[in-house]
Amino acid sequence: MSIVTAVLSILLAALLGYTGAMKVMHTTTAAGNAAHLGIGTRQSQLIGAAELAAVAGLLIGLAVRPLLVITTAAVIALMVGAVAYHLRAKDPLTAALPAAVTAAAAAATLALAIALS
């Protein structure tokens, strides 16, 4: 495992832990974002649960490479969905940027995980 892969995995886990917890707890911010994007409470909480599951996958994936590959691919899919919802809501591109950057970081982690296998 390279140091870069480990650092990216840990940073992604921290970010997804934060955003996932907000969605699962249905904070005011998460509720407002979900409503703006046309996502119901239950769906938002399920997305948050998926983000929290990704935290476990990213951290355990540091020791179990196949899990890291699967988890980073799932994070990419999740973030592509987030970008699509922002575009559907006709948000400015800057609103979709955090999800796009997260997808890019997950893609870099995936590429490193595969290359270093």
C-alpha atoms as a PDB file:
ATOM      1  CA  MET A   1       0.000   0.000   0.000  1.00  0.00           C
ATOM      2  CA  SER A   2       1.438   3.329  -0.975  1.00  0.00           C
ATOM      3  CA  ILE A   3       1.377   6.297   1.351  1.00  0.00           C
ATOM      4  CA  VAL A   4      -0.585   8.288  -1.234  1.00  0.00           C
ATOM      5  CA  THR A   5      -3.258   5.577  -1.422  1.00  0.00           C
ATOM      6  CA  ALA A   6      -3.504   5.461   2.359  1.00  0.00           C
ATOM      7  CA  VAL A   7      -3.737   9.251   2.673  1.00  0.00           C
ATOM      8  CA  LEU A   8      -6.406   9.489  -0.041  1.00  0.00           C
ATOM      9  CA  SER A   9      -8.379   6.657   1.565  1.00  0.00           C
ATOM     10  CA  ILE A  10      -8.260   8.294   4.989  1.00  0.00           C
ATOM     11  CA  LEU A  11      -9.230  11.716   3.617  1.00  0.00           C
ATOM     12  CA  LEU A  12     -12.126  10.208   1.671  1.00  0.00           C
ATOM     13  CA  ALA A  13     -13.217   8.287   4.773  1.00  0.00           C
ATOM     14  CA  ALA A  14     -13.174  11.477   6.864  1.00  0.00           C
ATOM     15  CA  LEU A  15     -15.201  13.402   4.295  1.00  0.00           C
ATOM     16  CA  LEU A  16     -17.743  10.633   3.778  1.00  0.00           C
ATOM     17  CA  GLY A  17     -17.993  10.079   7.521  1.00  0.00           C
ATOM     18  CA  TYR A  18     -18.913  13.722   8.007  1.00  0.00           C
ATOM     19  CA  THR A  19     -21.406  13.966   5.153  1.00  0.00           C
ATOM     20  CA  GLY A  20     -22.865  10.523   5.820  1.00  0.00           C
ATOM     21  CA  ALA A  21     -23.461  11.271   9.491  1.00  0.00           C
ATOM     22  CA  MET A  22     -25.181  14.550   8.581  1.00  0.00           C
ATOM     23  CA  LYS A  23     -27.549  12.719   6.248  1.00  0.00           C
ATOM     24  CA  VAL A  24     -28.272   9.829   8.613  1.00  0.00           C
ATOM     25  CA  MET A  25     -28.994  12.248  11.477  1.00  0.00           C
ATOM     26  CA  HIS A  26     -31.034  14.370   9.044  1.00  0.00           C
ATOM     27  CA  THR A  27     -29.507  17.644  10.176  1.00  0.00           C
ATOM     28  CA  THR A  28     -31.048  20.926   9.095  1.00  0.00           C
ATOM     29  CA  THR A  29     -28.359  21.346   6.438  1.00  0.00           C
ATOM     30  CA  ALA A  30     -28.830  17.817   5.099  1.00  0.00           C
ATOM     31  CA  ALA A  31     -32.615  18.226   5.082  1.00  0.00           C
ATOM     32  CA  GLY A  32     -32.345  21.498   3.174  1.00  0.00           C
ATOM     33  CA  ASN A  33     -29.958  20.025   0.625  1.00  0.00           C
ATOM     34  CA  ALA A  34     -32.142  16.952   0.143  1.00  0.00           C
ATOM     35  CA  ALA A  35     -35.267  19.062  -0.347  1.00  0.00           C
ATOM     36  CA  HIS A  36     -33.469  21.303  -2.844  1.00  0.00           C
ATOM     37  CA  LEU A  37     -32.357  18.254  -4.846  1.00  0.00           C
ATOM     38  CA  GLY A  38     -35.774  16.603  -4.679  1.00  0.00           C
ATOM     39  CA  ILE A  39     -34.622  13.751  -2.458  1.00  0.00           C
ATOM     40  CA  GLY A  40     -36.890  12.441   0.292  1.00  0.00           C
ATOM     41  CA  THR A  41     -35.796  12.049   3.899  1.00  0.00           C
ATOM     42  CA  ARG A  42     -35.533   8.255   3.728  1.00  0.00           C
ATOM     43  CA  GLN A  43     -33.536   8.332   0.485  1.00  0.00           C
ATOM     44  CA  SER A  44     -31.184  10.941   1.941  1.00  0.00           C
ATOM     45  CA  GLN A  45     -30.648   8.792   5.029  1.00  0.00           C
ATOM     46  CA  LEU A  46     -29.961   5.737   2.847  1.00  0.00           C
ATOM     47  CA  ILE A  47     -27.378   7.719   0.897  1.00  0.00           C
ATOM     48  CA  GLY A  48     -25.841   8.715   4.229  1.00  0.00           C
ATOM     49  CA  ALA A  49     -25.772   5.064   5.295  1.00  0.00           C
ATOM     50  CA  ALA A  50     -24.012   4.188   2.036  1.00  0.00           C
ATOM     51  CA  GLU A  51     -21.452   6.913   2.738  1.00  0.00           C
ATOM     52  CA  LEU A  52     -20.880   5.530   6.242  1.00  0.00           C
ATOM     53  CA  ALA A  53     -20.488   2.022   4.823  1.00  0.00           C
ATOM     54  CA  ALA A  54     -17.897   3.468   2.434  1.00  0.00           C
ATOM     55  CA  VAL A  55     -15.961   4.764   5.443  1.00  0.00           C
ATOM     56  CA  ALA A  56     -15.643   1.211   6.735  1.00  0.00           C
ATOM     57  CA  GLY A  57     -14.749  -0.081   3.276  1.00  0.00           C
ATOM     58  CA  LEU A  58     -12.078   2.551   2.757  1.00  0.00           C
ATOM     59  CA  LEU A  59     -10.446   1.959   6.131  1.00  0.00           C
ATOM     60  CA  ILE A  60     -10.623  -1.835   6.056  1.00  0.00           C
ATOM     61  CA  GLY A  61      -9.580  -1.619   2.411  1.00  0.00           C
ATOM     62  CA  LEU A  62      -6.201  -0.344   3.568  1.00  0.00           C
ATOM     63  CA  ALA A  63      -5.527  -3.936   4.642  1.00  0.00           C
ATOM     64  CA  VAL A  64      -7.796  -5.777   2.178  1.00  0.00           C
ATOM     65  CA  ARG A  65      -7.065  -4.407  -1.297  1.00  0.00           C
ATOM     66  CA  PRO A  66     -10.090  -5.966  -3.092  1.00  0.00           C
ATOM     67  CA  LEU A  67     -12.389  -4.183  -0.647  1.00  0.00           C
ATOM     68  CA  LEU A  68     -10.663  -0.876  -1.416  1.00  0.00           C
ATOM     69  CA  VAL A  69     -11.214  -1.432  -5.139  1.00  0.00           C
ATOM     70  CA  ILE A  70     -14.920  -2.212  -4.659  1.00  0.00           C
ATOM     71  CA  THR A  71     -15.464   0.656  -2.244  1.00  0.00           C
ATOM     72  CA  THR A  72     -13.761   3.308  -4.355  1.00  0.00           C
ATOM     73  CA  ALA A  73     -15.766   2.196  -7.398  1.00  0.00           C
ATOM     74  CA  ALA A  74     -18.962   2.527  -5.336  1.00  0.00           C
ATOM     75  CA  VAL A  75     -17.928   5.998  -4.123  1.00  0.00           C
ATOM     76  CA  ILE A  76     -17.365   7.066  -7.732  1.00  0.00           C
ATOM     77  CA  ALA A  77     -20.867   5.863  -8.649  1.00  0.00           C
ATOM     78  CA  LEU A  78     -22.369   7.633  -5.644  1.00  0.00           C
ATOM     79  CA  MET A  79     -20.642  10.907  -6.528  1.00  0.00           C
ATOM     80  CA  VAL A  80     -21.612  10.680 -10.199  1.00  0.00           C
ATOM     81  CA  GLY A  81     -25.187  10.381  -8.958  1.00  0.00           C
ATOM     82  CA  ALA A  82     -24.694  13.451  -6.761  1.00  0.00           C
ATOM     83  CA  VAL A  83     -23.386  15.461  -9.719  1.00  0.00           C
ATOM     84  CA  ALA A  84     -26.373  14.332 -11.799  1.00  0.00           C
ATOM     85  CA  TYR A  85     -28.814  15.472  -9.103  1.00  0.00           C
ATOM     86  CA  HIS A  86     -27.137  18.884  -8.955  1.00  0.00           C
ATOM     87  CA  LEU A  87     -27.325  19.230 -12.719  1.00  0.00           C
ATOM     88  CA  ARG A  88     -30.957  18.119 -12.709  1.00  0.00           C
ATOM     89  CA  ALA A  89     -31.705  20.808 -10.106  1.00  0.00           C
ATOM     90  CA  LYS A  90     -30.070  23.311 -12.488  1.00  0.00           C
ATOM     91  CA  ASP A  91     -27.503  24.237  -9.843  1.00  0.00           C
ATOM     92  CA  PRO A  92     -24.425  26.144 -10.971  1.00  0.00           C
ATOM     93  CA  LEU A  93     -21.496  23.878 -11.761  1.00  0.00           C
ATOM     94  CA  THR A  94     -19.768  25.075  -8.598  1.00  0.00           C
ATOM     95  CA  ALA A  95     -22.479  23.341  -6.534  1.00  0.00           C
ATOM     96  CA  ALA A  96     -21.575  20.007  -8.134  1.00  0.00           C
ATOM     97  CA  LEU A  97     -17.835  20.601  -7.737  1.00  0.00           C
ATOM     98  CA  PRO A  98     -17.423  18.971  -4.289  1.00  0.00           C
ATOM     99  CA  ALA A  99     -19.015  15.743  -5.551  1.00  0.00           C
ATOM    100  CA  ALA A 100     -16.926  15.856  -8.741  1.00  0.00           C
ATOM    101  CA  VAL A 101     -13.701  16.376  -6.780  1.00  0.00           C
ATOM    102  CA  THR A 102     -14.647  13.542  -4.420  1.00  0.00           C
ATOM    103  CA  ALA A 103     -15.265  11.281  -7.437  1.00  0.00           C
ATOM    104  CA  ALA A 104     -11.874  12.268  -8.865  1.00  0.00           C
ATOM    105  CA  ALA A 105     -10.140  11.508  -5.552  1.00  0.00           C
ATOM    106  CA  ALA A 106     -11.897   8.146  -5.416  1.00  0.00           C
ATOM    107  CA  ALA A 107     -10.867   7.463  -9.029  1.00  0.00           C
ATOM    108  CA  ALA A 108      -7.240   8.263  -8.183  1.00  0.00           C
ATOM    109  CA  THR A 109      -7.432   5.957  -5.170  1.00  0.00           C
ATOM    110  CA  LEU A 110      -8.947   3.234  -7.335  1.00  0.00           C
ATOM    111  CA  ALA A 111      -6.254   3.615  -9.966  1.00  0.00           C
ATOM    112  CA  LEU A 112      -3.511   3.412  -7.341  1.00  0.00           C
ATOM    113  CA  ALA A 113      -5.119   0.410  -5.656  1.00  0.00           C
ATOM    114  CA  ILE A 114      -5.274  -1.445  -8.973  1.00  0.00           C
ATOM    115  CA  ALA A 115      -1.815  -0.373 -10.136  1.00  0.00           C
ATOM    116  CA  LEU A 116      -0.195  -1.430  -6.883  1.00  0.00           C
ATOM    117  CA  SER A 117      -1.900  -4.844  -6.794  1.00  0.00           C
END
